[in-house]
Amino acid sequence: MIVITNPSVIANEISIIDSLFEEGLSLLHIRKPDFSKIEMAQFIHQIKLEYRSNLVLHNHHDLAEDFGINRIHFSEKERKDSFSINHDQRIFSTSTHAIEDFNSLENNFDYAFLSPVYQSISKEDYHPKENLFEALKSRTNHKTKLVALGGIDAKNIPKTLENGFDNIALLGSIWNNENPIKQFKLCQQIAQLYLA
């Protein structure tokens, strides 16, 4: 199960992140599109050193080496604009918004988000343009893991993982919750029944 940071700064964010890792979070995607390189470096620096290998950078990719981070995420735009992968020891992920885009991914990607699966919790007016569960029936790419994103919460995790997604990513259900840790643990318990 993956958690993506809120794009904006959240109160007590670093202590929440450390607690999520203590509770067993496997991957945290750091998505802070408005952060300068210095702000990003300061943010990463605050996260406990032992969790660096569980971090995924969405921007300021050049900081990865400085911090010993080996996971890089490419937006759909970055992938289409100028994508060339340097095949070092890094793990790559990307974003897709249609099954056709997912199916056409090169094998360089360990996993890819497909979104939005449901009405977004964190973005107003962001909802599926098509039924992605129907679209999944035409999935041909089985080398890249498919991760559901967009509106994922405790109630719809079973349906999501029973219908063709390999994993889930949480954003709004964690950061828009008054008790993010409790919410994470609940989602984790449900997801583990399907991801075992």
N, C-alpha and C. Protein backbone atom coordinates (compact mmCIF):
# COMPACT_ATOMS: atom_id res chain seq x y z
N MET A 1 0.85 -1.19 0.00
CA MET A 1 0.00 0.00 0.00
C MET A 1 0.89 1.24 0.00
N ILE A 2 0.50 2.22 -0.80
CA ILE A 2 1.29 3.43 -1.01
C ILE A 2 0.52 4.63 -0.46
N VAL A 3 1.24 5.58 0.14
CA VAL A 3 0.64 6.86 0.52
C VAL A 3 1.37 7.95 -0.25
N ILE A 4 0.60 8.92 -0.74
CA ILE A 4 1.16 10.08 -1.44
C ILE A 4 0.97 11.29 -0.53
N THR A 5 2.00 12.12 -0.41
CA THR A 5 1.87 13.31 0.43
C THR A 5 0.81 14.24 -0.14
N ASN A 6 0.24 15.05 0.73
CA ASN A 6 -0.64 16.11 0.27
C ASN A 6 0.23 17.13 -0.47
N PRO A 7 -0.23 17.66 -1.60
CA PRO A 7 0.58 18.65 -2.32
C PRO A 7 0.92 19.87 -1.45
N SER A 8 0.00 20.25 -0.55
CA SER A 8 0.23 21.39 0.34
C SER A 8 0.87 20.90 1.64
N VAL A 9 1.39 21.85 2.38
CA VAL A 9 1.99 21.52 3.68
C VAL A 9 0.87 21.23 4.68
N ILE A 10 1.06 20.19 5.49
CA ILE A 10 0.07 19.76 6.49
C ILE A 10 0.68 19.96 7.88
N ALA A 11 -0.12 20.34 8.84
CA ALA A 11 0.38 20.47 10.22
C ALA A 11 0.90 19.13 10.72
N ASN A 12 2.04 19.14 11.40
CA ASN A 12 2.66 17.93 11.96
C ASN A 12 2.94 16.86 10.91
N GLU A 13 3.16 17.27 9.67
CA GLU A 13 3.29 16.32 8.56
C GLU A 13 4.42 15.32 8.77
N ILE A 14 5.59 15.81 9.19
CA ILE A 14 6.73 14.92 9.34
C ILE A 14 6.49 13.88 10.42
N SER A 15 5.91 14.30 11.55
CA SER A 15 5.66 13.31 12.61
C SER A 15 4.60 12.29 12.18
N ILE A 16 3.63 12.74 11.37
CA ILE A 16 2.63 11.80 10.83
C ILE A 16 3.31 10.81 9.89
N ILE A 17 4.21 11.33 9.03
CA ILE A 17 4.93 10.46 8.09
C ILE A 17 5.74 9.41 8.85
N ASP A 18 6.48 9.84 9.87
CA ASP A 18 7.27 8.89 10.67
C ASP A 18 6.36 7.83 11.30
N SER A 19 5.20 8.27 11.81
CA SER A 19 4.24 7.32 12.42
C SER A 19 3.69 6.34 11.39
N LEU A 20 3.42 6.82 10.17
CA LEU A 20 2.92 5.93 9.12
C LEU A 20 3.95 4.83 8.84
N PHE A 21 5.22 5.22 8.77
CA PHE A 21 6.28 4.22 8.55
C PHE A 21 6.36 3.25 9.73
N GLU A 22 6.24 3.76 10.94
CA GLU A 22 6.27 2.89 12.13
C GLU A 22 5.14 1.88 12.09
N GLU A 23 4.02 2.27 11.48
CA GLU A 23 2.86 1.37 11.38
C GLU A 23 2.96 0.43 10.17
N GLY A 24 4.05 0.54 9.40
CA GLY A 24 4.26 -0.43 8.32
C GLY A 24 4.06 0.08 6.92
N LEU A 25 3.97 1.41 6.74
CA LEU A 25 3.87 1.95 5.39
C LEU A 25 5.07 1.50 4.57
N SER A 26 4.82 1.00 3.36
CA SER A 26 5.94 0.50 2.55
C SER A 26 6.53 1.59 1.67
N LEU A 27 5.69 2.46 1.07
CA LEU A 27 6.21 3.50 0.18
C LEU A 27 5.48 4.82 0.40
N LEU A 28 6.26 5.90 0.49
CA LEU A 28 5.68 7.25 0.55
C LEU A 28 6.15 8.01 -0.68
N HIS A 29 5.17 8.42 -1.50
CA HIS A 29 5.48 9.27 -2.66
C HIS A 29 5.47 10.72 -2.19
N ILE A 30 6.60 11.40 -2.36
CA ILE A 30 6.67 12.81 -1.99
C ILE A 30 6.31 13.64 -3.22
N ARG A 31 5.09 14.17 -3.18
CA ARG A 31 4.59 15.00 -4.28
C ARG A 31 4.29 16.38 -3.73
N LYS A 32 5.23 17.27 -3.91
CA LYS A 32 5.09 18.66 -3.45
C LYS A 32 5.45 19.55 -4.65
N PRO A 33 4.53 19.71 -5.60
CA PRO A 33 4.85 20.39 -6.86
C PRO A 33 5.32 21.83 -6.70
N ASP A 34 4.94 22.50 -5.61
CA ASP A 34 5.31 23.91 -5.44
C ASP A 34 6.59 24.09 -4.64
N PHE A 35 7.18 23.01 -4.17
CA PHE A 35 8.42 23.12 -3.39
C PHE A 35 9.60 23.48 -4.28
N SER A 36 10.42 24.41 -3.79
CA SER A 36 11.70 24.66 -4.45
C SER A 36 12.62 23.49 -4.12
N LYS A 37 13.76 23.46 -4.77
CA LYS A 37 14.72 22.39 -4.51
C LYS A 37 15.17 22.43 -3.04
N ILE A 38 15.38 23.62 -2.51
CA ILE A 38 15.81 23.77 -1.10
C ILE A 38 14.71 23.29 -0.16
N GLU A 39 13.48 23.68 -0.42
CA GLU A 39 12.36 23.23 0.43
C GLU A 39 12.23 21.71 0.40
N MET A 40 12.41 21.14 -0.78
CA MET A 40 12.33 19.68 -0.91
C MET A 40 13.44 19.01 -0.10
N ALA A 41 14.64 19.55 -0.21
CA ALA A 41 15.77 18.98 0.53
C ALA A 41 15.52 19.07 2.04
N GLN A 42 14.99 20.20 2.49
CA GLN A 42 14.70 20.37 3.93
C GLN A 42 13.62 19.39 4.38
N PHE A 43 12.62 19.18 3.53
CA PHE A 43 11.53 18.26 3.85
C PHE A 43 12.06 16.83 4.01
N ILE A 44 12.83 16.39 3.02
CA ILE A 44 13.39 15.02 3.06
C ILE A 44 14.30 14.85 4.28
N HIS A 45 15.08 15.89 4.55
CA HIS A 45 16.05 15.84 5.65
C HIS A 45 15.37 15.58 7.00
N GLN A 46 14.12 16.02 7.14
CA GLN A 46 13.40 15.85 8.41
C GLN A 46 12.87 14.43 8.61
N ILE A 47 12.72 13.68 7.53
CA ILE A 47 12.20 12.31 7.64
C ILE A 47 13.34 11.42 8.14
N LYS A 48 13.02 10.54 9.07
CA LYS A 48 14.04 9.68 9.66
C LYS A 48 14.85 8.94 8.59
N LEU A 49 16.14 8.92 8.81
CA LEU A 49 17.09 8.33 7.87
C LEU A 49 16.73 6.89 7.50
N GLU A 50 16.22 6.14 8.47
CA GLU A 50 15.91 4.72 8.24
C GLU A 50 14.80 4.51 7.21
N TYR A 51 14.05 5.59 6.89
CA TYR A 51 12.94 5.45 5.94
C TYR A 51 13.29 5.95 4.54
N ARG A 52 14.51 6.38 4.32
CA ARG A 52 14.89 6.93 3.01
C ARG A 52 14.64 5.95 1.87
N SER A 53 14.87 4.67 2.13
CA SER A 53 14.70 3.68 1.05
C SER A 53 13.22 3.47 0.70
N ASN A 54 12.32 4.05 1.51
CA ASN A 54 10.88 3.92 1.27
C ASN A 54 10.28 5.18 0.64
N LEU A 55 11.15 6.11 0.26
CA LEU A 55 10.68 7.37 -0.31
C LEU A 55 10.75 7.33 -1.83
N VAL A 56 9.77 7.99 -2.47
CA VAL A 56 9.71 8.09 -3.92
C VAL A 56 9.61 9.58 -4.27
N LEU A 57 10.51 10.07 -5.11
CA LEU A 57 10.51 11.50 -5.47
C LEU A 57 9.71 11.76 -6.74
N HIS A 58 8.80 12.73 -6.66
CA HIS A 58 8.02 13.14 -7.84
C HIS A 58 8.67 14.28 -8.59
N ASN A 59 9.40 15.13 -7.89
CA ASN A 59 10.11 16.21 -8.57
C ASN A 59 11.45 16.44 -7.88
N HIS A 60 12.25 17.31 -8.48
CA HIS A 60 13.63 17.51 -8.02
C HIS A 60 14.35 16.15 -7.94
N HIS A 61 14.24 15.41 -9.03
CA HIS A 61 14.82 14.06 -9.09
C HIS A 61 16.32 14.05 -8.81
N ASP A 62 16.99 15.17 -9.11
CA ASP A 62 18.43 15.22 -8.90
C ASP A 62 18.81 15.14 -7.42
N LEU A 63 17.86 15.33 -6.52
CA LEU A 63 18.14 15.19 -5.08
C LEU A 63 18.24 13.73 -4.65
N ALA A 64 17.73 12.84 -5.48
CA ALA A 64 17.69 11.42 -5.11
C ALA A 64 19.07 10.92 -4.71
N GLU A 65 20.05 11.24 -5.52
CA GLU A 65 21.40 10.75 -5.25
C GLU A 65 21.94 11.31 -3.93
N ASP A 66 21.71 12.61 -3.69
CA ASP A 66 22.20 13.25 -2.46
C ASP A 66 21.64 12.56 -1.22
N PHE A 67 20.41 12.09 -1.31
CA PHE A 67 19.74 11.52 -0.13
C PHE A 67 19.70 9.99 -0.14
N GLY A 68 20.32 9.38 -1.13
CA GLY A 68 20.30 7.92 -1.18
C GLY A 68 18.91 7.35 -1.47
N ILE A 69 18.12 8.10 -2.23
CA ILE A 69 16.77 7.65 -2.60
C ILE A 69 16.87 6.97 -3.96
N ASN A 70 16.35 5.76 -4.08
CA ASN A 70 16.50 5.05 -5.36
C ASN A 70 15.18 4.85 -6.10
N ARG A 71 14.17 5.63 -5.71
CA ARG A 71 12.86 5.50 -6.36
C ARG A 71 12.45 6.86 -6.93
N ILE A 72 12.11 6.85 -8.22
CA ILE A 72 11.76 8.08 -8.94
C ILE A 72 10.41 7.88 -9.63
N HIS A 73 9.56 8.91 -9.52
CA HIS A 73 8.25 8.87 -10.18
C HIS A 73 8.21 9.92 -11.28
N PHE A 74 7.68 9.54 -12.43
CA PHE A 74 7.52 10.45 -13.56
C PHE A 74 6.04 10.73 -13.79
N SER A 75 5.70 12.01 -13.90
CA SER A 75 4.33 12.36 -14.25
C SER A 75 4.09 11.90 -15.69
N GLU A 76 2.83 11.90 -16.07
CA GLU A 76 2.48 11.52 -17.44
C GLU A 76 3.15 12.48 -18.43
N LYS A 77 3.14 13.77 -18.09
CA LYS A 77 3.74 14.79 -18.96
C LYS A 77 5.25 14.56 -19.11
N GLU A 78 5.95 14.32 -18.00
CA GLU A 78 7.39 14.07 -18.07
C GLU A 78 7.69 12.84 -18.92
N ARG A 79 6.89 11.81 -18.73
CA ARG A 79 7.11 10.57 -19.47
C ARG A 79 6.96 10.79 -20.98
N LYS A 80 5.96 11.58 -21.34
CA LYS A 80 5.68 11.79 -22.77
C LYS A 80 6.60 12.84 -23.39
N ASP A 81 7.01 13.83 -22.60
CA ASP A 81 7.82 14.94 -23.13
C ASP A 81 9.24 14.52 -23.50
N SER A 82 9.94 14.00 -22.53
CA SER A 82 11.37 13.80 -22.76
C SER A 82 11.87 12.59 -22.01
N PHE A 83 11.13 11.53 -22.10
CA PHE A 83 11.47 10.42 -21.23
C PHE A 83 12.60 9.56 -21.77
N SER A 84 13.67 9.54 -21.03
CA SER A 84 14.74 8.59 -21.33
C SER A 84 15.29 8.11 -19.99
N ILE A 85 15.27 6.84 -19.80
CA ILE A 85 15.67 6.28 -18.51
C ILE A 85 17.14 5.91 -18.52
N ASN A 86 17.80 6.36 -17.49
CA ASN A 86 19.17 5.95 -17.25
C ASN A 86 19.07 4.67 -16.42
N HIS A 87 19.46 3.56 -16.99
CA HIS A 87 19.26 2.28 -16.30
C HIS A 87 20.30 2.04 -15.22
N ASP A 88 20.21 2.82 -14.16
CA ASP A 88 21.06 2.53 -13.01
C ASP A 88 20.24 1.68 -12.05
N GLN A 89 20.59 1.71 -10.81
CA GLN A 89 19.91 0.83 -9.84
C GLN A 89 18.63 1.43 -9.30
N ARG A 90 17.99 2.28 -10.05
CA ARG A 90 16.79 2.95 -9.57
C ARG A 90 15.52 2.19 -9.94
N ILE A 91 14.48 2.48 -9.19
CA ILE A 91 13.16 1.89 -9.43
C ILE A 91 12.25 3.03 -9.90
N PHE A 92 11.56 2.81 -11.01
CA PHE A 92 10.76 3.87 -11.62
C PHE A 92 9.27 3.56 -11.56
N SER A 93 8.50 4.63 -11.35
CA SER A 93 7.04 4.53 -11.43
C SER A 93 6.55 5.72 -12.25
N THR A 94 5.29 5.65 -12.67
CA THR A 94 4.73 6.74 -13.47
C THR A 94 3.22 6.82 -13.26
N SER A 95 2.62 7.84 -13.84
CA SER A 95 1.17 8.04 -13.74
C SER A 95 0.53 7.83 -15.10
N THR A 96 -0.63 7.18 -15.10
CA THR A 96 -1.42 7.03 -16.33
C THR A 96 -2.87 7.36 -16.00
N HIS A 97 -3.63 7.70 -17.03
CA HIS A 97 -5.04 8.06 -16.82
C HIS A 97 -5.98 7.31 -17.75
N ALA A 98 -5.42 6.36 -18.50
CA ALA A 98 -6.24 5.51 -19.38
C ALA A 98 -5.54 4.17 -19.51
N ILE A 99 -6.32 3.11 -19.65
CA ILE A 99 -5.73 1.76 -19.73
C ILE A 99 -4.83 1.65 -20.97
N GLU A 100 -5.15 2.38 -22.04
CA GLU A 100 -4.32 2.34 -23.26
C GLU A 100 -2.91 2.85 -22.97
N ASP A 101 -2.84 3.92 -22.17
CA ASP A 101 -1.52 4.47 -21.80
C ASP A 101 -0.76 3.46 -20.94
N PHE A 102 -1.48 2.84 -20.00
CA PHE A 102 -0.84 1.84 -19.14
C PHE A 102 -0.31 0.68 -19.99
N ASN A 103 -1.15 0.19 -20.89
CA ASN A 103 -0.75 -0.96 -21.72
C ASN A 103 0.47 -0.66 -22.59
N SER A 104 0.63 0.61 -22.96
CA SER A 104 1.73 0.96 -23.87
C SER A 104 3.03 1.33 -23.14
N LEU A 105 3.04 1.23 -21.82
CA LEU A 105 4.26 1.55 -21.07
C LEU A 105 5.39 0.59 -21.43
N GLU A 106 6.59 1.14 -21.46
CA GLU A 106 7.75 0.28 -21.64
C GLU A 106 7.98 -0.48 -20.33
N ASN A 107 8.80 -1.50 -20.39
CA ASN A 107 9.00 -2.35 -19.21
C ASN A 107 9.92 -1.73 -18.16
N ASN A 108 10.26 -0.45 -18.35
CA ASN A 108 11.16 0.21 -17.40
C ASN A 108 10.49 0.51 -16.08
N PHE A 109 9.16 0.45 -16.06
CA PHE A 109 8.44 0.88 -14.87
C PHE A 109 8.06 -0.30 -13.99
N ASP A 110 8.37 -0.16 -12.71
CA ASP A 110 8.01 -1.19 -11.73
C ASP A 110 6.50 -1.20 -11.51
N TYR A 111 5.92 0.01 -11.41
CA TYR A 111 4.47 0.12 -11.27
C TYR A 111 4.01 1.46 -11.82
N ALA A 112 2.70 1.55 -12.05
CA ALA A 112 2.11 2.80 -12.55
C ALA A 112 0.77 3.03 -11.88
N PHE A 113 0.51 4.29 -11.58
CA PHE A 113 -0.81 4.68 -11.08
C PHE A 113 -1.76 4.77 -12.26
N LEU A 114 -3.00 4.36 -12.04
CA LEU A 114 -4.08 4.60 -12.99
C LEU A 114 -5.15 5.34 -12.21
N SER A 115 -5.49 6.55 -12.68
CA SER A 115 -6.43 7.37 -11.91
C SER A 115 -7.25 8.29 -12.81
N PRO A 116 -8.37 8.81 -12.27
CA PRO A 116 -8.96 8.47 -10.97
C PRO A 116 -9.89 7.27 -11.09
N VAL A 117 -9.81 6.39 -10.11
CA VAL A 117 -10.69 5.21 -10.11
C VAL A 117 -12.08 5.60 -9.63
N TYR A 118 -12.14 6.45 -8.60
CA TYR A 118 -13.40 6.95 -8.04
C TYR A 118 -13.34 8.47 -8.00
N GLN A 119 -14.43 9.08 -7.60
CA GLN A 119 -14.45 10.53 -7.34
C GLN A 119 -13.34 10.85 -6.34
N SER A 120 -12.48 11.80 -6.68
CA SER A 120 -11.35 12.14 -5.83
C SER A 120 -11.81 12.70 -4.48
N ILE A 121 -11.08 12.37 -3.43
CA ILE A 121 -11.35 12.90 -2.09
C ILE A 121 -10.65 14.25 -1.94
N SER A 122 -9.48 14.39 -2.55
CA SER A 122 -8.68 15.60 -2.33
C SER A 122 -8.85 16.66 -3.40
N LYS A 123 -9.32 16.28 -4.60
CA LYS A 123 -9.49 17.27 -5.68
C LYS A 123 -10.96 17.37 -6.05
N GLU A 124 -11.49 18.58 -5.94
CA GLU A 124 -12.88 18.78 -6.33
C GLU A 124 -13.04 18.58 -7.83
N ASP A 125 -14.17 18.06 -8.24
CA ASP A 125 -14.48 17.89 -9.67
C ASP A 125 -13.47 17.01 -10.41
N TYR A 126 -12.85 16.08 -9.69
CA TYR A 126 -11.93 15.15 -10.36
C TYR A 126 -12.52 13.76 -10.21
N HIS A 127 -13.08 13.26 -11.29
CA HIS A 127 -13.77 11.97 -11.22
C HIS A 127 -13.47 11.18 -12.50
N PRO A 128 -13.76 9.87 -12.46
CA PRO A 128 -13.43 9.02 -13.63
C PRO A 128 -14.19 9.45 -14.88
N LYS A 129 -13.49 9.40 -16.00
CA LYS A 129 -14.14 9.69 -17.29
C LYS A 129 -14.76 8.41 -17.86
N GLU A 130 -14.30 7.27 -17.35
CA GLU A 130 -14.83 5.98 -17.79
C GLU A 130 -14.78 5.02 -16.61
N ASN A 131 -15.48 3.90 -16.73
CA ASN A 131 -15.43 2.88 -15.70
C ASN A 131 -14.11 2.12 -15.85
N LEU A 132 -13.17 2.38 -14.94
CA LEU A 132 -11.85 1.77 -15.08
C LEU A 132 -11.88 0.27 -14.84
N PHE A 133 -12.87 -0.21 -14.12
CA PHE A 133 -12.97 -1.67 -13.92
C PHE A 133 -13.33 -2.36 -15.23
N GLU A 134 -14.18 -1.72 -16.01
CA GLU A 134 -14.49 -2.24 -17.35
C GLU A 134 -13.24 -2.15 -18.23
N ALA A 135 -12.58 -1.00 -18.17
CA ALA A 135 -11.38 -0.77 -18.99
C ALA A 135 -10.30 -1.81 -18.68
N LEU A 136 -10.21 -2.22 -17.41
CA LEU A 136 -9.17 -3.18 -17.00
C LEU A 136 -9.27 -4.52 -17.72
N LYS A 137 -10.43 -4.81 -18.24
CA LYS A 137 -10.61 -6.07 -18.95
C LYS A 137 -9.73 -6.12 -20.21
N SER A 138 -9.30 -4.94 -20.68
CA SER A 138 -8.43 -4.92 -21.85
C SER A 138 -6.96 -4.71 -21.46
N ARG A 139 -6.64 -5.00 -20.21
CA ARG A 139 -5.25 -4.87 -19.76
C ARG A 139 -4.38 -5.91 -20.46
N THR A 140 -3.28 -5.46 -21.07
CA THR A 140 -2.34 -6.38 -21.71
C THR A 140 -0.95 -6.33 -21.08
N ASN A 141 -0.69 -5.26 -20.32
CA ASN A 141 0.61 -5.10 -19.67
C ASN A 141 0.56 -5.77 -18.30
N HIS A 142 1.26 -6.88 -18.16
CA HIS A 142 1.27 -7.57 -16.87
C HIS A 142 2.65 -7.54 -16.22
N LYS A 143 3.60 -6.87 -16.88
CA LYS A 143 4.95 -6.74 -16.30
C LYS A 143 4.98 -5.58 -15.30
N THR A 144 4.21 -4.54 -15.60
CA THR A 144 4.15 -3.36 -14.73
C THR A 144 2.97 -3.54 -13.78
N LYS A 145 3.22 -3.34 -12.47
CA LYS A 145 2.13 -3.45 -11.50
C LYS A 145 1.20 -2.25 -11.66
N LEU A 146 -0.09 -2.51 -11.50
CA LEU A 146 -1.11 -1.48 -11.69
C LEU A 146 -1.65 -1.04 -10.33
N VAL A 147 -1.49 0.26 -10.03
CA VAL A 147 -1.86 0.80 -8.72
C VAL A 147 -3.05 1.75 -8.88
N ALA A 148 -4.10 1.49 -8.13
CA ALA A 148 -5.31 2.32 -8.17
C ALA A 148 -5.09 3.59 -7.35
N LEU A 149 -5.50 4.73 -7.93
CA LEU A 149 -5.39 6.02 -7.26
C LEU A 149 -6.65 6.82 -7.56
N GLY A 150 -7.07 7.63 -6.59
CA GLY A 150 -8.22 8.50 -6.81
C GLY A 150 -9.45 8.00 -6.09
N GLY A 151 -9.75 8.62 -4.94
CA GLY A 151 -10.96 8.27 -4.19
C GLY A 151 -10.88 6.95 -3.43
N ILE A 152 -9.69 6.41 -3.25
CA ILE A 152 -9.55 5.13 -2.54
C ILE A 152 -9.71 5.37 -1.04
N ASP A 153 -10.62 4.60 -0.43
CA ASP A 153 -10.78 4.66 1.03
C ASP A 153 -11.14 3.27 1.56
N ALA A 154 -11.32 3.19 2.85
CA ALA A 154 -11.55 1.88 3.49
C ALA A 154 -12.74 1.14 2.87
N LYS A 155 -13.78 1.88 2.46
CA LYS A 155 -15.00 1.24 1.95
C LYS A 155 -14.80 0.57 0.58
N ASN A 156 -13.96 1.16 -0.28
CA ASN A 156 -13.86 0.61 -1.64
C ASN A 156 -12.57 -0.17 -1.92
N ILE A 157 -11.73 -0.36 -0.91
CA ILE A 157 -10.50 -1.14 -1.11
C ILE A 157 -10.81 -2.57 -1.58
N PRO A 158 -11.75 -3.29 -0.94
CA PRO A 158 -12.02 -4.66 -1.41
C PRO A 158 -12.41 -4.71 -2.88
N LYS A 159 -13.37 -3.88 -3.29
CA LYS A 159 -13.81 -3.87 -4.69
C LYS A 159 -12.62 -3.60 -5.62
N THR A 160 -11.77 -2.66 -5.22
CA THR A 160 -10.64 -2.25 -6.07
C THR A 160 -9.66 -3.40 -6.27
N LEU A 161 -9.32 -4.07 -5.18
CA LEU A 161 -8.31 -5.13 -5.26
C LEU A 161 -8.88 -6.46 -5.79
N GLU A 162 -10.19 -6.59 -5.72
CA GLU A 162 -10.83 -7.81 -6.27
C GLU A 162 -11.01 -7.70 -7.78
N ASN A 163 -10.90 -6.49 -8.32
CA ASN A 163 -11.25 -6.27 -9.73
C ASN A 163 -10.08 -5.86 -10.61
N GLY A 164 -8.91 -6.38 -10.32
CA GLY A 164 -7.82 -6.24 -11.29
C GLY A 164 -6.67 -5.32 -10.94
N PHE A 165 -6.80 -4.52 -9.87
CA PHE A 165 -5.67 -3.67 -9.49
C PHE A 165 -4.72 -4.48 -8.60
N ASP A 166 -3.42 -4.23 -8.76
CA ASP A 166 -2.41 -4.95 -7.99
C ASP A 166 -2.13 -4.32 -6.64
N ASN A 167 -2.43 -3.02 -6.51
CA ASN A 167 -2.16 -2.32 -5.27
C ASN A 167 -2.98 -1.04 -5.27
N ILE A 168 -2.93 -0.30 -4.14
CA ILE A 168 -3.68 0.95 -4.01
C ILE A 168 -2.76 2.05 -3.50
N ALA A 169 -3.11 3.29 -3.84
CA ALA A 169 -2.41 4.46 -3.31
C ALA A 169 -3.44 5.37 -2.64
N LEU A 170 -3.08 5.86 -1.47
CA LEU A 170 -3.98 6.71 -0.69
C LEU A 170 -3.43 8.13 -0.63
N LEU A 171 -4.34 9.10 -0.75
CA LEU A 171 -3.95 10.49 -0.58
C LEU A 171 -5.02 11.18 0.27
N GLY A 172 -6.14 11.53 -0.31
CA GLY A 172 -7.19 12.25 0.42
C GLY A 172 -7.72 11.50 1.64
N SER A 173 -7.85 10.18 1.54
CA SER A 173 -8.41 9.43 2.68
C SER A 173 -7.49 9.50 3.91
N ILE A 174 -6.20 9.76 3.68
CA ILE A 174 -5.26 9.93 4.80
C ILE A 174 -5.22 11.38 5.26
N TRP A 175 -4.89 12.29 4.34
CA TRP A 175 -4.61 13.68 4.72
C TRP A 175 -5.85 14.51 4.99
N ASN A 176 -7.01 14.08 4.51
CA ASN A 176 -8.25 14.81 4.81
C ASN A 176 -8.95 14.22 6.02
N ASN A 177 -8.29 13.32 6.72
CA ASN A 177 -8.88 12.65 7.87
C ASN A 177 -8.35 13.29 9.15
N GLU A 178 -9.23 13.43 10.16
CA GLU A 178 -8.74 14.05 11.41
C GLU A 178 -7.77 13.14 12.16
N ASN A 179 -7.80 11.84 11.86
CA ASN A 179 -6.83 10.93 12.47
C ASN A 179 -6.17 10.08 11.38
N PRO A 180 -5.16 10.65 10.70
CA PRO A 180 -4.54 9.97 9.56
C PRO A 180 -3.97 8.60 9.89
N ILE A 181 -3.39 8.45 11.09
CA ILE A 181 -2.75 7.18 11.46
C ILE A 181 -3.80 6.09 11.64
N LYS A 182 -4.87 6.42 12.32
CA LYS A 182 -5.96 5.46 12.53
C LYS A 182 -6.55 5.04 11.18
N GLN A 183 -6.74 6.02 10.30
CA GLN A 183 -7.28 5.75 8.96
C GLN A 183 -6.34 4.84 8.17
N PHE A 184 -5.05 5.14 8.25
CA PHE A 184 -4.05 4.31 7.56
C PHE A 184 -4.12 2.87 8.05
N LYS A 185 -4.18 2.69 9.37
CA LYS A 185 -4.20 1.33 9.94
C LYS A 185 -5.43 0.57 9.49
N LEU A 186 -6.56 1.26 9.42
CA LEU A 186 -7.80 0.63 8.97
C LEU A 186 -7.66 0.18 7.51
N CYS A 187 -7.19 1.08 6.65
CA CYS A 187 -7.01 0.74 5.23
C CYS A 187 -5.99 -0.38 5.06
N GLN A 188 -4.94 -0.33 5.86
CA GLN A 188 -3.89 -1.34 5.79
C GLN A 188 -4.44 -2.73 6.15
N GLN A 189 -5.24 -2.79 7.21
CA GLN A 189 -5.82 -4.08 7.64
C GLN A 189 -6.69 -4.67 6.54
N ILE A 190 -7.48 -3.82 5.89
CA ILE A 190 -8.36 -4.30 4.82
C ILE A 190 -7.53 -4.74 3.61
N ALA A 191 -6.57 -3.91 3.22
CA ALA A 191 -5.75 -4.21 2.04
C ALA A 191 -4.96 -5.49 2.22
N GLN A 192 -4.47 -5.75 3.43
CA GLN A 192 -3.65 -6.94 3.68
C GLN A 192 -4.39 -8.25 3.41
N LEU A 193 -5.71 -8.19 3.52
CA LEU A 193 -6.52 -9.39 3.22
C LEU A 193 -6.42 -9.75 1.75
N TYR A 194 -6.14 -8.75 0.90
CA TYR A 194 -6.11 -8.96 -0.55
C TYR A 194 -4.69 -8.98 -1.12
N LEU A 195 -3.75 -8.35 -0.39
CA LEU A 195 -2.39 -8.22 -0.91
C LEU A 195 -1.45 -9.27 -0.33
N ALA A 196 -1.99 -10.19 0.46
CA ALA A 196 -1.14 -11.18 1.12
C ALA A 196 -0.38 -12.03 0.11
